[in-house]
Amino acid sequence: MTRNSTFDSCLEPITRDLARLRDDILKLREADWPSEECIRLWPLLADWSYASRPAPCLVGTVDGHPLIRRGTRVHTSELVLVDPALRWARTWTKFYRLGQRGL
């Protein structure tokens, strides 16, 4: 059993989804993609509008962040993985060391 084996079941779908997203973004750099034919094959979203939804994140007092002053209370970006026992978390943008847990 490897140290990260507890995350194997969730790492595979995340890795797959991120690889697909990356591939799609790279395809957008091509002048002829997406074609009208390609777009017609995608699911239709009717009566759509912009919205937002809550996403899991961490809240805490930051220290050692490259852009945020020490002691500032922050909400992290979306939480991807967390291992409280090993005292680390991975958000959408970076890893964090976890200090003492708050209330």
PDB file of N, CA and C in Angstrom:
ATOM      1  N   MET A   1       0.862  -1.183   0.000  1.00  0.00           N
ATOM      2  CA  MET A   1       0.000   0.000   0.000  1.00  0.00           C
ATOM      3  C   MET A   1       0.900   1.234   0.000  1.00  0.00           C
ATOM      4  N   THR A   2       0.665   2.122  -0.956  1.00  0.00           N
ATOM      5  CA  THR A   2       1.454   3.342  -1.005  1.00  0.00           C
ATOM      6  C   THR A   2       0.856   4.395  -0.093  1.00  0.00           C
ATOM      7  N   ARG A   3       1.644   5.402   0.181  1.00  0.00           N
ATOM      8  CA  ARG A   3       1.210   6.466   1.087  1.00  0.00           C
ATOM      9  C   ARG A   3      -0.058   7.153   0.608  1.00  0.00           C
ATOM     10  N   ASN A   4      -0.214   7.328  -0.711  1.00  0.00           N
ATOM     11  CA  ASN A   4      -1.375   8.034  -1.253  1.00  0.00           C
ATOM     12  C   ASN A   4      -2.468   7.101  -1.738  1.00  0.00           C
ATOM     13  N   SER A   5      -2.411   5.817  -1.389  1.00  0.00           N
ATOM     14  CA  SER A   5      -3.383   4.863  -1.900  1.00  0.00           C
ATOM     15  C   SER A   5      -4.812   5.208  -1.497  1.00  0.00           C
ATOM     16  N   THR A   6      -5.000   5.929  -0.409  1.00  0.00           N
ATOM     17  CA  THR A   6      -6.352   6.307  -0.006  1.00  0.00           C
ATOM     18  C   THR A   6      -6.984   7.268  -1.012  1.00  0.00           C
ATOM     19  N   PHE A   7      -6.161   7.925  -1.843  1.00  0.00           N
ATOM     20  CA  PHE A   7      -6.688   8.866  -2.819  1.00  0.00           C
ATOM     21  C   PHE A   7      -6.794   8.277  -4.221  1.00  0.00           C
ATOM     22  N   ASP A   8      -6.340   7.023  -4.404  1.00  0.00           N
ATOM     23  CA  ASP A   8      -6.344   6.428  -5.742  1.00  0.00           C
ATOM     24  C   ASP A   8      -7.708   6.490  -6.401  1.00  0.00           C
ATOM     25  N   SER A   9      -8.761   6.206  -5.660  1.00  0.00           N
ATOM     26  CA  SER A   9     -10.098   6.163  -6.254  1.00  0.00           C
ATOM     27  C   SER A   9     -10.581   7.534  -6.710  1.00  0.00           C
ATOM     28  N   CYS A  10     -10.117   8.607  -6.085  1.00  0.00           N
ATOM     29  CA  CYS A  10     -10.556   9.934  -6.525  1.00  0.00           C
ATOM     30  C   CYS A  10      -9.535  10.619  -7.433  1.00  0.00           C
ATOM     31  N   LEU A  11      -8.277  10.195  -7.390  1.00  0.00           N
ATOM     32  CA  LEU A  11      -7.271  10.815  -8.258  1.00  0.00           C
ATOM     33  C   LEU A  11      -7.478  10.464  -9.722  1.00  0.00           C
ATOM     34  N   GLU A  12      -7.904   9.248 -10.007  1.00  0.00           N
ATOM     35  CA  GLU A  12      -8.069   8.830 -11.395  1.00  0.00           C
ATOM     36  C   GLU A  12      -9.111   9.679 -12.134  1.00  0.00           C
ATOM     37  N   PRO A  13     -10.326   9.857 -11.600  1.00  0.00           N
ATOM     38  CA  PRO A  13     -11.287  10.689 -12.324  1.00  0.00           C
ATOM     39  C   PRO A  13     -10.849  12.157 -12.425  1.00  0.00           C
ATOM     40  N   ILE A  14     -10.203  12.676 -11.394  1.00  0.00           N
ATOM     41  CA  ILE A  14      -9.729  14.060 -11.450  1.00  0.00           C
ATOM     42  C   ILE A  14      -8.676  14.203 -12.533  1.00  0.00           C
ATOM     43  N   THR A  15      -7.736  13.261 -12.577  1.00  0.00           N
ATOM     44  CA  THR A  15      -6.678  13.289 -13.583  1.00  0.00           C
ATOM     45  C   THR A  15      -7.268  13.198 -14.981  1.00  0.00           C
ATOM     46  N   ARG A  16      -8.203  12.291 -15.163  1.00  0.00           N
ATOM     47  CA  ARG A  16      -8.853  12.125 -16.469  1.00  0.00           C
ATOM     48  C   ARG A  16      -9.594  13.399 -16.889  1.00  0.00           C
ATOM     49  N   ASP A  17     -10.379  13.962 -15.963  1.00  0.00           N
ATOM     50  CA  ASP A  17     -11.155  15.167 -16.280  1.00  0.00           C
ATOM     51  C   ASP A  17     -10.251  16.352 -16.585  1.00  0.00           C
ATOM     52  N   LEU A  18      -9.179  16.515 -15.816  1.00  0.00           N
ATOM     53  CA  LEU A  18      -8.256  17.618 -16.071  1.00  0.00           C
ATOM     54  C   LEU A  18      -7.531  17.445 -17.400  1.00  0.00           C
ATOM     55  N   ALA A  19      -7.182  16.206 -17.743  1.00  0.00           N
ATOM     56  CA  ALA A  19      -6.534  15.955 -19.037  1.00  0.00           C
ATOM     57  C   ALA A  19      -7.483  16.299 -20.179  1.00  0.00           C
ATOM     58  N   ARG A  20      -8.747  15.935 -20.048  1.00  0.00           N
ATOM     59  CA  ARG A  20      -9.737  16.276 -21.087  1.00  0.00           C
ATOM     60  C   ARG A  20      -9.915  17.781 -21.204  1.00  0.00           C
ATOM     61  N   LEU A  21      -9.998  18.466 -20.062  1.00  0.00           N
ATOM     62  CA  LEU A  21     -10.135  19.923 -20.075  1.00  0.00           C
ATOM     63  C   LEU A  21      -8.931  20.564 -20.748  1.00  0.00           C
ATOM     64  N   ARG A  22      -7.738  20.114 -20.396  1.00  0.00           N
ATOM     65  CA  ARG A  22      -6.517  20.638 -21.010  1.00  0.00           C
ATOM     66  C   ARG A  22      -6.541  20.420 -22.520  1.00  0.00           C
ATOM     67  N   ASP A  23      -6.908  19.222 -22.947  1.00  0.00           N
ATOM     68  CA  ASP A  23      -6.964  18.919 -24.380  1.00  0.00           C
ATOM     69  C   ASP A  23      -7.956  19.830 -25.094  1.00  0.00           C
ATOM     70  N   ASP A  24      -9.118  20.054 -24.475  1.00  0.00           N
ATOM     71  CA  ASP A  24     -10.123  20.924 -25.084  1.00  0.00           C
ATOM     72  C   ASP A  24      -9.631  22.368 -25.185  1.00  0.00           C
ATOM     73  N   ILE A  25      -8.966  22.842 -24.154  1.00  0.00           N
ATOM     74  CA  ILE A  25      -8.436  24.205 -24.181  1.00  0.00           C
ATOM     75  C   ILE A  25      -7.382  24.338 -25.269  1.00  0.00           C
ATOM     76  N   LEU A  26      -6.525  23.350 -25.394  1.00  0.00           N
ATOM     77  CA  LEU A  26      -5.509  23.391 -26.454  1.00  0.00           C
ATOM     78  C   LEU A  26      -6.151  23.360 -27.837  1.00  0.00           C
ATOM     79  N   LYS A  27      -7.247  22.605 -27.994  1.00  0.00           N
ATOM     80  CA  LYS A  27      -7.938  22.566 -29.285  1.00  0.00           C
ATOM     81  C   LYS A  27      -8.524  23.936 -29.644  1.00  0.00           C
ATOM     82  N   LEU A  28      -8.922  24.710 -28.628  1.00  0.00           N
ATOM     83  CA  LEU A  28      -9.493  26.037 -28.893  1.00  0.00           C
ATOM     84  C   LEU A  28      -8.482  26.970 -29.543  1.00  0.00           C
ATOM     85  N   ARG A  29      -7.202  26.659 -29.421  1.00  0.00           N
ATOM     86  CA  ARG A  29      -6.167  27.474 -30.049  1.00  0.00           C
ATOM     87  C   ARG A  29      -6.096  27.237 -31.551  1.00  0.00           C
ATOM     88  N   GLU A  30      -6.695  26.142 -32.016  1.00  0.00           N
ATOM     89  CA  GLU A  30      -6.719  25.843 -33.435  1.00  0.00           C
ATOM     90  C   GLU A  30      -7.753  26.742 -34.116  1.00  0.00           C
ATOM     91  N   ALA A  31      -7.406  27.260 -35.274  1.00  0.00           N
ATOM     92  CA  ALA A  31      -8.259  28.236 -35.963  1.00  0.00           C
ATOM     93  C   ALA A  31      -9.612  27.657 -36.380  1.00  0.00           C
ATOM     94  N   ASP A  32      -9.679  26.384 -36.685  1.00  0.00           N
ATOM     95  CA  ASP A  32     -10.916  25.810 -37.208  1.00  0.00           C
ATOM     96  C   ASP A  32     -11.665  24.941 -36.199  1.00  0.00           C
ATOM     97  N   TRP A  33     -11.356  25.081 -34.937  1.00  0.00           N
ATOM     98  CA  TRP A  33     -12.052  24.290 -33.928  1.00  0.00           C
ATOM     99  C   TRP A  33     -12.691  25.199 -32.903  1.00  0.00           C
ATOM    100  N   PRO A  34     -13.912  25.010 -32.504  1.00  0.00           N
ATOM    101  CA  PRO A  34     -14.796  23.939 -32.943  1.00  0.00           C
ATOM    102  C   PRO A  34     -15.520  24.299 -34.229  1.00  0.00           C
ATOM    103  N   SER A  35     -15.728  23.331 -35.065  1.00  0.00           N
ATOM    104  CA  SER A  35     -16.479  23.550 -36.301  1.00  0.00           C
ATOM    105  C   SER A  35     -17.966  23.551 -35.979  1.00  0.00           C
ATOM    106  N   GLU A  36     -18.774  24.072 -36.891  1.00  0.00           N
ATOM    107  CA  GLU A  36     -20.235  24.049 -36.702  1.00  0.00           C
ATOM    108  C   GLU A  36     -20.723  22.613 -36.581  1.00  0.00           C
ATOM    109  N   GLU A  37     -20.132  21.718 -37.339  1.00  0.00           N
ATOM    110  CA  GLU A  37     -20.510  20.302 -37.282  1.00  0.00           C
ATOM    111  C   GLU A  37     -20.217  19.726 -35.895  1.00  0.00           C
ATOM    112  N   CYS A  38     -19.085  20.063 -35.352  1.00  0.00           N
ATOM    113  CA  CYS A  38     -18.710  19.596 -34.019  1.00  0.00           C
ATOM    114  C   CYS A  38     -19.677  20.145 -32.967  1.00  0.00           C
ATOM    115  N   ILE A  39     -19.974  21.427 -33.050  1.00  0.00           N
ATOM    116  CA  ILE A  39     -20.871  22.061 -32.086  1.00  0.00           C
ATOM    117  C   ILE A  39     -22.253  21.415 -32.116  1.00  0.00           C
ATOM    118  N   ARG A  40     -22.725  21.042 -33.312  1.00  0.00           N
ATOM    119  CA  ARG A  40     -24.049  20.412 -33.429  1.00  0.00           C
ATOM    120  C   ARG A  40     -24.124  19.075 -32.681  1.00  0.00           C
ATOM    121  N   LEU A  41     -22.994  18.440 -32.423  1.00  0.00           N
ATOM    122  CA  LEU A  41     -22.976  17.152 -31.731  1.00  0.00           C
ATOM    123  C   LEU A  41     -23.020  17.295 -30.212  1.00  0.00           C
ATOM    124  N   TRP A  42     -22.775  18.490 -29.707  1.00  0.00           N
ATOM    125  CA  TRP A  42     -22.757  18.716 -28.264  1.00  0.00           C
ATOM    126  C   TRP A  42     -24.171  18.805 -27.717  1.00  0.00           C
ATOM    127  N   PRO A  43     -24.377  18.470 -26.435  1.00  0.00           N
ATOM    128  CA  PRO A  43     -25.704  18.630 -25.825  1.00  0.00           C
ATOM    129  C   PRO A  43     -26.149  20.093 -25.872  1.00  0.00           C
ATOM    130  N   LEU A  44     -27.434  20.300 -26.014  1.00  0.00           N
ATOM    131  CA  LEU A  44     -28.017  21.639 -26.046  1.00  0.00           C
ATOM    132  C   LEU A  44     -28.414  22.051 -24.641  1.00  0.00           C
ATOM    133  N   LEU A  45     -28.049  23.249 -24.254  1.00  0.00           N
ATOM    134  CA  LEU A  45     -28.474  23.828 -22.987  1.00  0.00           C
ATOM    135  C   LEU A  45     -29.383  24.999 -23.316  1.00  0.00           C
ATOM    136  N   ALA A  46     -30.695  24.824 -23.126  1.00  0.00           N
ATOM    137  CA  ALA A  46     -31.679  25.848 -23.468  1.00  0.00           C
ATOM    138  C   ALA A  46     -32.028  26.680 -22.243  1.00  0.00           C
ATOM    139  N   ASP A  47     -32.545  27.874 -22.476  1.00  0.00           N
ATOM    140  CA  ASP A  47     -32.972  28.779 -21.401  1.00  0.00           C
ATOM    141  C   ASP A  47     -31.870  28.963 -20.367  1.00  0.00           C
ATOM    142  N   TRP A  48     -30.635  29.094 -20.823  1.00  0.00           N
ATOM    143  CA  TRP A  48     -29.496  29.146 -19.917  1.00  0.00           C
ATOM    144  C   TRP A  48     -29.241  30.568 -19.425  1.00  0.00           C
ATOM    145  N   SER A  49     -28.573  30.655 -18.307  1.00  0.00           N
ATOM    146  CA  SER A  49     -28.124  31.934 -17.760  1.00  0.00           C
ATOM    147  C   SER A  49     -26.900  31.655 -16.894  1.00  0.00           C
ATOM    148  N   TYR A  50     -26.202  32.712 -16.556  1.00  0.00           N
ATOM    149  CA  TYR A  50     -25.044  32.578 -15.678  1.00  0.00           C
ATOM    150  C   TYR A  50     -25.520  32.418 -14.241  1.00  0.00           C
ATOM    151  N   ALA A  51     -24.790  31.625 -13.485  1.00  0.00           N
ATOM    152  CA  ALA A  51     -25.123  31.392 -12.087  1.00  0.00           C
ATOM    153  C   ALA A  51     -23.828  31.077 -11.349  1.00  0.00           C
ATOM    154  N   SER A  52     -23.924  30.950 -10.061  1.00  0.00           N
ATOM    155  CA  SER A  52     -22.784  30.494  -9.273  1.00  0.00           C
ATOM    156  C   SER A  52     -23.295  29.472  -8.272  1.00  0.00           C
ATOM    157  N   ARG A  53     -22.378  28.658  -7.803  1.00  0.00           N
ATOM    158  CA  ARG A  53     -22.755  27.660  -6.811  1.00  0.00           C
ATOM    159  C   ARG A  53     -21.640  27.538  -5.799  1.00  0.00           C
ATOM    160  N   PRO A  54     -21.985  27.165  -4.600  1.00  0.00           N
ATOM    161  CA  PRO A  54     -20.941  26.989  -3.590  1.00  0.00           C
ATOM    162  C   PRO A  54     -20.047  25.815  -3.963  1.00  0.00           C
ATOM    163  N   ALA A  55     -18.807  25.934  -3.601  1.00  0.00           N
ATOM    164  CA  ALA A  55     -17.849  24.848  -3.800  1.00  0.00           C
ATOM    165  C   ALA A  55     -17.095  24.644  -2.498  1.00  0.00           C
ATOM    166  N   PRO A  56     -16.747  23.415  -2.188  1.00  0.00           N
ATOM    167  CA  PRO A  56     -15.983  23.182  -0.960  1.00  0.00           C
ATOM    168  C   PRO A  56     -14.661  23.942  -0.994  1.00  0.00           C
ATOM    169  N   CYS A  57     -14.307  24.530   0.121  1.00  0.00           N
ATOM    170  CA  CYS A  57     -13.046  25.249   0.239  1.00  0.00           C
ATOM    171  C   CYS A  57     -12.619  25.189   1.699  1.00  0.00           C
ATOM    172  N   LEU A  58     -11.481  25.746   1.978  1.00  0.00           N
ATOM    173  CA  LEU A  58     -11.023  25.869   3.356  1.00  0.00           C
ATOM    174  C   LEU A  58     -11.019  27.341   3.734  1.00  0.00           C
ATOM    175  N   VAL A  59     -11.215  27.618   4.996  1.00  0.00           N
ATOM    176  CA  VAL A  59     -11.144  28.961   5.536  1.00  0.00           C
ATOM    177  C   VAL A  59     -10.098  28.921   6.632  1.00  0.00           C
ATOM    178  N   GLY A  60      -9.238  29.917   6.669  1.00  0.00           N
ATOM    179  CA  GLY A  60      -8.233  29.938   7.710  1.00  0.00           C
ATOM    180  C   GLY A  60      -7.368  31.173   7.635  1.00  0.00           C
ATOM    181  N   THR A  61      -6.420  31.243   8.511  1.00  0.00           N
ATOM    182  CA  THR A  61      -5.485  32.357   8.563  1.00  0.00           C
ATOM    183  C   THR A  61      -4.222  31.925   7.840  1.00  0.00           C
ATOM    184  N   VAL A  62      -3.821  32.686   6.847  1.00  0.00           N
ATOM    185  CA  VAL A  62      -2.729  32.285   5.962  1.00  0.00           C
ATOM    186  C   VAL A  62      -1.384  32.825   6.434  1.00  0.00           C
ATOM    187  N   ASP A  63      -0.350  32.044   6.171  1.00  0.00           N
ATOM    188  CA  ASP A  63       1.025  32.460   6.423  1.00  0.00           C
ATOM    189  C   ASP A  63       1.885  31.850   5.316  1.00  0.00           C
ATOM    190  N   GLY A  64       2.729  32.635   4.691  1.00  0.00           N
ATOM    191  CA  GLY A  64       3.615  32.135   3.657  1.00  0.00           C
ATOM    192  C   GLY A  64       3.025  32.125   2.268  1.00  0.00           C
ATOM    193  N   HIS A  65       1.895  32.782   2.087  1.00  0.00           N
ATOM    194  CA  HIS A  65       1.285  32.880   0.760  1.00  0.00           C
ATOM    195  C   HIS A  65       2.056  33.923  -0.042  1.00  0.00           C
ATOM    196  N   PRO A  66       2.300  33.655  -1.337  1.00  0.00           N
ATOM    197  CA  PRO A  66       3.102  34.603  -2.115  1.00  0.00           C
ATOM    198  C   PRO A  66       2.432  35.952  -2.362  1.00  0.00           C
ATOM    199  N   LEU A  67       1.112  36.032  -2.242  1.00  0.00           N
ATOM    200  CA  LEU A  67       0.412  37.278  -2.569  1.00  0.00           C
ATOM    201  C   LEU A  67      -0.398  37.873  -1.417  1.00  0.00           C
ATOM    202  N   ILE A  68      -0.624  37.104  -0.387  1.00  0.00           N
ATOM    203  CA  ILE A  68      -1.517  37.549   0.696  1.00  0.00           C
ATOM    204  C   ILE A  68      -0.715  37.736   1.979  1.00  0.00           C
ATOM    205  N   ARG A  69      -0.955  38.857   2.642  1.00  0.00           N
ATOM    206  CA  ARG A  69      -0.235  39.215   3.865  1.00  0.00           C
ATOM    207  C   ARG A  69      -0.470  38.197   4.974  1.00  0.00           C
ATOM    208  N   ARG A  70       0.589  37.906   5.698  1.00  0.00           N
ATOM    209  CA  ARG A  70       0.541  36.977   6.830  1.00  0.00           C
ATOM    210  C   ARG A  70      -0.547  37.399   7.816  1.00  0.00           C
ATOM    211  N   GLY A  71      -1.313  36.413   8.308  1.00  0.00           N
ATOM    212  CA  GLY A  71      -2.352  36.679   9.292  1.00  0.00           C
ATOM    213  C   GLY A  71      -3.705  37.036   8.696  1.00  0.00           C
ATOM    214  N   THR A  72      -3.787  37.133   7.376  1.00  0.00           N
ATOM    215  CA  THR A  72      -5.054  37.458   6.730  1.00  0.00           C
ATOM    216  C   THR A  72      -5.971  36.237   6.739  1.00  0.00           C
ATOM    217  N   ARG A  73      -7.218  36.450   7.062  1.00  0.00           N
ATOM    218  CA  ARG A  73      -8.225  35.380   7.036  1.00  0.00           C
ATOM    219  C   ARG A  73      -8.684  35.219   5.589  1.00  0.00           C
ATOM    220  N   VAL A  74      -8.623  34.001   5.046  1.00  0.00           N
ATOM    221  CA  VAL A  74      -8.919  33.776   3.633  1.00  0.00           C
ATOM    222  C   VAL A  74      -9.881  32.610   3.436  1.00  0.00           C
ATOM    223  N   HIS A  75     -10.518  32.600   2.281  1.00  0.00           N
ATOM    224  CA  HIS A  75     -11.209  31.432   1.731  1.00  0.00           C
ATOM    225  C   HIS A  75     -10.304  30.939   0.605  1.00  0.00           C
ATOM    226  N   THR A  76      -9.954  29.656   0.607  1.00  0.00           N
ATOM    227  CA  THR A  76      -9.121  29.137  -0.464  1.00  0.00           C
ATOM    228  C   THR A  76      -9.956  28.963  -1.729  1.00  0.00           C
ATOM    229  N   SER A  77      -9.275  28.628  -2.807  1.00  0.00           N
ATOM    230  CA  SER A  77      -9.998  28.208  -4.003  1.00  0.00           C
ATOM    231  C   SER A  77     -10.612  26.834  -3.721  1.00  0.00           C
ATOM    232  N   GLU A  78     -11.316  26.285  -4.678  1.00  0.00           N
ATOM    233  CA  GLU A  78     -12.034  25.027  -4.500  1.00  0.00           C
ATOM    234  C   GLU A  78     -11.117  23.919  -3.981  1.00  0.00           C
ATOM    235  N   LEU A  79     -11.595  23.228  -2.975  1.00  0.00           N
ATOM    236  CA  LEU A  79     -10.846  22.135  -2.353  1.00  0.00           C
ATOM    237  C   LEU A  79     -10.912  20.900  -3.242  1.00  0.00           C
ATOM    238  N   VAL A  80      -9.739  20.342  -3.563  1.00  0.00           N
ATOM    239  CA  VAL A  80      -9.667  19.151  -4.405  1.00  0.00           C
ATOM    240  C   VAL A  80      -9.394  17.911  -3.565  1.00  0.00           C
ATOM    241  N   LEU A  81      -8.358  17.949  -2.743  1.00  0.00           N
ATOM    242  CA  LEU A  81      -7.997  16.824  -1.881  1.00  0.00           C
ATOM    243  C   LEU A  81      -7.538  17.360  -0.532  1.00  0.00           C
ATOM    244  N   VAL A  82      -7.770  16.566   0.507  1.00  0.00           N
ATOM    245  CA  VAL A  82      -7.292  16.958   1.828  1.00  0.00           C
ATOM    246  C   VAL A  82      -6.930  15.698   2.608  1.00  0.00           C
ATOM    247  N   ASP A  83      -5.827  15.773   3.344  1.00  0.00           N
ATOM    248  CA  ASP A  83      -5.422  14.691   4.235  1.00  0.00           C
ATOM    249  C   ASP A  83      -5.090  15.308   5.589  1.00  0.00           C
ATOM    250  N   PRO A  84      -6.096  15.435   6.466  1.00  0.00           N
ATOM    251  CA  PRO A  84      -5.857  16.050   7.767  1.00  0.00           C
ATOM    252  C   PRO A  84      -4.818  15.302   8.596  1.00  0.00           C
ATOM    253  N   ALA A  85      -4.745  13.981   8.438  1.00  0.00           N
ATOM    254  CA  ALA A  85      -3.779  13.208   9.209  1.00  0.00           C
ATOM    255  C   ALA A  85      -2.343  13.575   8.831  1.00  0.00           C
ATOM    256  N   LEU A  86      -2.091  13.776   7.549  1.00  0.00           N
ATOM    257  CA  LEU A  86      -0.760  14.180   7.099  1.00  0.00           C
ATOM    258  C   LEU A  86      -0.614  15.705   7.025  1.00  0.00           C
ATOM    259  N   ARG A  87      -1.694  16.403   7.327  1.00  0.00           N
ATOM    260  CA  ARG A  87      -1.708  17.864   7.477  1.00  0.00           C
ATOM    261  C   ARG A  87      -1.404  18.607   6.183  1.00  0.00           C
ATOM    262  N   TRP A  88      -2.123  18.217   5.109  1.00  0.00           N
ATOM    263  CA  TRP A  88      -1.991  18.944   3.852  1.00  0.00           C
ATOM    264  C   TRP A  88      -3.332  18.967   3.140  1.00  0.00           C
ATOM    265  N   ALA A  89      -3.460  19.952   2.240  1.00  0.00           N
ATOM    266  CA  ALA A  89      -4.651  20.073   1.400  1.00  0.00           C
ATOM    267  C   ALA A  89      -4.209  20.576   0.035  1.00  0.00           C
ATOM    268  N   ARG A  90      -4.924  20.148  -1.004  1.00  0.00           N
ATOM    269  CA  ARG A  90      -4.681  20.656  -2.356  1.00  0.00           C
ATOM    270  C   ARG A  90      -5.945  21.338  -2.815  1.00  0.00           C
ATOM    271  N   THR A  91      -5.844  22.616  -3.103  1.00  0.00           N
ATOM    272  CA  THR A  91      -6.963  23.354  -3.665  1.00  0.00           C
ATOM    273  C   THR A  91      -6.751  23.420  -5.170  1.00  0.00           C
ATOM    274  N   TRP A  92      -7.664  24.082  -5.860  1.00  0.00           N
ATOM    275  CA  TRP A  92      -7.548  24.200  -7.308  1.00  0.00           C
ATOM    276  C   TRP A  92      -6.232  24.873  -7.699  1.00  0.00           C
ATOM    277  N   THR A  93      -5.736  25.780  -6.877  1.00  0.00           N
ATOM    278  CA  THR A  93      -4.556  26.558  -7.271  1.00  0.00           C
ATOM    279  C   THR A  93      -3.261  26.179  -6.573  1.00  0.00           C
ATOM    280  N   LYS A  94      -3.304  25.580  -5.388  1.00  0.00           N
ATOM    281  CA  LYS A  94      -2.049  25.298  -4.693  1.00  0.00           C
ATOM    282  C   LYS A  94      -2.236  24.308  -3.546  1.00  0.00           C
ATOM    283  N   PHE A  95      -1.090  23.811  -3.047  1.00  0.00           N
ATOM    284  CA  PHE A  95      -1.065  23.001  -1.833  1.00  0.00           C
ATOM    285  C   PHE A  95      -0.979  23.920  -0.627  1.00  0.00           C
ATOM    286  N   TYR A  96      -1.550  23.475   0.488  1.00  0.00           N
ATOM    287  CA  TYR A  96      -1.420  24.159   1.764  1.00  0.00           C
ATOM    288  C   TYR A  96      -0.975  23.153   2.819  1.00  0.00           C
ATOM    289  N   ARG A  97      -0.121  23.600   3.720  1.00  0.00           N
ATOM    290  CA  ARG A  97       0.146  22.844   4.943  1.00  0.00           C
ATOM    291  C   ARG A  97      -0.987  23.180   5.887  1.00  0.00           C
ATOM    292  N   LEU A  98      -1.446  22.205   6.615  1.00  0.00           N
ATOM    293  CA  LEU A  98      -2.553  22.456   7.552  1.00  0.00           C
ATOM    294  C   LEU A  98      -2.003  22.589   8.962  1.00  0.00           C
ATOM    295  N   GLY A  99      -2.301  23.689   9.582  1.00  0.00           N
ATOM    296  CA  GLY A  99      -1.946  23.900  10.975  1.00  0.00           C
ATOM    297  C   GLY A  99      -3.034  23.325  11.865  1.00  0.00           C
ATOM    298  N   GLN A 100      -3.148  23.877  13.054  1.00  0.00           N
ATOM    299  CA  GLN A 100      -4.176  23.436  13.989  1.00  0.00           C
ATOM    300  C   GLN A 100      -5.557  23.718  13.399  1.00  0.00           C
ATOM    301  N   ARG A 101      -6.459  22.751  13.537  1.00  0.00           N
ATOM    302  CA  ARG A 101      -7.807  22.917  13.004  1.00  0.00           C
ATOM    303  C   ARG A 101      -8.619  23.847  13.892  1.00  0.00           C
ATOM    304  N   GLY A 102      -9.390  24.712  13.255  1.00  0.00           N
ATOM    305  CA  GLY A 102     -10.246  25.639  13.993  1.00  0.00           C
ATOM    306  C   GLY A 102     -11.579  24.991  14.337  1.00  0.00           C
ATOM    307  N   LEU A 103     -12.482  25.809  14.834  1.00  0.00           N
ATOM    308  CA  LEU A 103     -13.809  25.301  15.228  1.00  0.00           C
ATOM    309  C   LEU A 103     -14.691  25.063  14.068  1.00  0.00           C
TER     310      LEU A 103
END
